[in-house]
Amino acid sequence: MAAGQDLAAEAGQLAARLTAARASIERRFVGQHEVVEQVLAAILSGGHALLVGQPGLGKTMLVDTLS
């Protein structure tokens, strides 16, 4: 049972760290909540993301921030 409790505690800590990271990123990229969510999902899943949009929306800055 201790292993299950350790796993639950670790998952809780990861969720808290992810929430803090998301909040920090979204302070810099106002109005880009969905983009931030999708990029973080790609990072956490070990996948890839293609950022497409109009010039000046901060795509390069977002990638630089997360690298």
C-alpha atoms as a PDB file:
ATOM      1  CA  MET A   1       0.000   0.000   0.000  1.00  0.00           C
ATOM      2  CA  ALA A   2       2.932   2.345   0.639  1.00  0.00           C
ATOM      3  CA  ALA A   3       3.959   2.146  -3.016  1.00  0.00           C
ATOM      4  CA  GLY A   4       0.484   3.289  -4.060  1.00  0.00           C
ATOM      5  CA  GLN A   5       0.626   6.195  -1.638  1.00  0.00           C
ATOM      6  CA  ASP A   6       4.096   7.154  -2.895  1.00  0.00           C
ATOM      7  CA  LEU A   7       2.833   7.082  -6.474  1.00  0.00           C
ATOM      8  CA  ALA A   8      -0.175   9.226  -5.558  1.00  0.00           C
ATOM      9  CA  ALA A   9       2.060  11.725  -3.771  1.00  0.00           C
ATOM     10  CA  GLU A  10       4.429  11.855  -6.738  1.00  0.00           C
ATOM     11  CA  ALA A  11       1.513  12.389  -9.137  1.00  0.00           C
ATOM     12  CA  GLY A  12       0.246  15.210  -6.926  1.00  0.00           C
ATOM     13  CA  GLN A  13       3.665  16.855  -6.929  1.00  0.00           C
ATOM     14  CA  LEU A  14       3.903  16.533 -10.707  1.00  0.00           C
ATOM     15  CA  ALA A  15       0.456  18.090 -11.119  1.00  0.00           C
ATOM     16  CA  ALA A  16       1.441  21.002  -8.874  1.00  0.00           C
ATOM     17  CA  ARG A  17       4.680  21.566 -10.811  1.00  0.00           C
ATOM     18  CA  LEU A  18       2.838  21.399 -14.122  1.00  0.00           C
ATOM     19  CA  THR A  19       0.248  23.908 -12.903  1.00  0.00           C
ATOM     20  CA  ALA A  20       3.003  26.280 -11.780  1.00  0.00           C
ATOM     21  CA  ALA A  21       4.853  25.914 -15.092  1.00  0.00           C
ATOM     22  CA  ARG A  22       1.655  26.498 -17.070  1.00  0.00           C
ATOM     23  CA  ALA A  23       0.856  29.628 -15.053  1.00  0.00           C
ATOM     24  CA  SER A  24       4.377  30.964 -15.532  1.00  0.00           C
ATOM     25  CA  ILE A  25       4.283  30.389 -19.292  1.00  0.00           C
ATOM     26  CA  GLU A  26       0.801  31.873 -19.660  1.00  0.00           C
ATOM     27  CA  ARG A  27       1.889  35.074 -17.901  1.00  0.00           C
ATOM     28  CA  ARG A  28       4.268  35.603 -20.807  1.00  0.00           C
ATOM     29  CA  PHE A  29       1.916  34.375 -23.563  1.00  0.00           C
ATOM     30  CA  VAL A  30      -1.411  36.041 -22.859  1.00  0.00           C
ATOM     31  CA  GLY A  31      -4.352  34.629 -24.796  1.00  0.00           C
ATOM     32  CA  GLN A  32      -2.479  31.527 -25.960  1.00  0.00           C
ATOM     33  CA  HIS A  33      -3.903  29.050 -23.412  1.00  0.00           C
ATOM     34  CA  GLU A  34      -4.793  26.357 -25.943  1.00  0.00           C
ATOM     35  CA  VAL A  35      -1.399  26.565 -27.666  1.00  0.00           C
ATOM     36  CA  VAL A  36       0.430  26.297 -24.339  1.00  0.00           C
ATOM     37  CA  GLU A  37      -1.716  23.294 -23.329  1.00  0.00           C
ATOM     38  CA  GLN A  38      -1.042  21.504 -26.613  1.00  0.00           C
ATOM     39  CA  VAL A  39       2.703  22.152 -26.544  1.00  0.00           C
ATOM     40  CA  LEU A  40       2.952  20.941 -22.939  1.00  0.00           C
ATOM     41  CA  ALA A  41       0.955  17.823 -23.878  1.00  0.00           C
ATOM     42  CA  ALA A  42       3.386  17.143 -26.729  1.00  0.00           C
ATOM     43  CA  ILE A  43       6.358  17.555 -24.400  1.00  0.00           C
ATOM     44  CA  LEU A  44       4.909  15.319 -21.690  1.00  0.00           C
ATOM     45  CA  SER A  45       3.959  12.604 -24.182  1.00  0.00           C
ATOM     46  CA  GLY A  46       7.324  12.700 -25.922  1.00  0.00           C
ATOM     47  CA  GLY A  47       5.685  13.729 -29.176  1.00  0.00           C
ATOM     48  CA  HIS A  48       6.097  16.523 -31.671  1.00  0.00           C
ATOM     49  CA  ALA A  49       4.228  19.774 -32.210  1.00  0.00           C
ATOM     50  CA  LEU A  50       3.878  21.941 -35.288  1.00  0.00           C
ATOM     51  CA  LEU A  51       3.166  25.579 -34.476  1.00  0.00           C
ATOM     52  CA  VAL A  52       1.371  27.343 -37.308  1.00  0.00           C
ATOM     53  CA  GLY A  53       0.017  30.865 -37.189  1.00  0.00           C
ATOM     54  CA  GLN A  54       0.299  34.463 -38.213  1.00  0.00           C
ATOM     55  CA  PRO A  55       3.621  36.277 -37.756  1.00  0.00           C
ATOM     56  CA  GLY A  56       4.069  37.986 -34.417  1.00  0.00           C
ATOM     57  CA  LEU A  57       2.101  35.560 -32.232  1.00  0.00           C
ATOM     58  CA  GLY A  58       5.177  34.395 -30.313  1.00  0.00           C
ATOM     59  CA  LYS A  59       5.674  30.909 -31.734  1.00  0.00           C
ATOM     60  CA  THR A  60       9.471  31.150 -31.689  1.00  0.00           C
ATOM     61  CA  MET A  61       9.481  32.803 -28.269  1.00  0.00           C
ATOM     62  CA  LEU A  62       7.278  30.001 -26.885  1.00  0.00           C
ATOM     63  CA  VAL A  63       9.667  27.343 -28.174  1.00  0.00           C
ATOM     64  CA  ASP A  64      12.673  29.269 -26.824  1.00  0.00           C
ATOM     65  CA  THR A  65      10.953  29.606 -23.449  1.00  0.00           C
ATOM     66  CA  LEU A  66      10.291  25.879 -23.218  1.00  0.00           C
ATOM     67  CA  SER A  67      13.710  24.754 -24.447  1.00  0.00           C
END
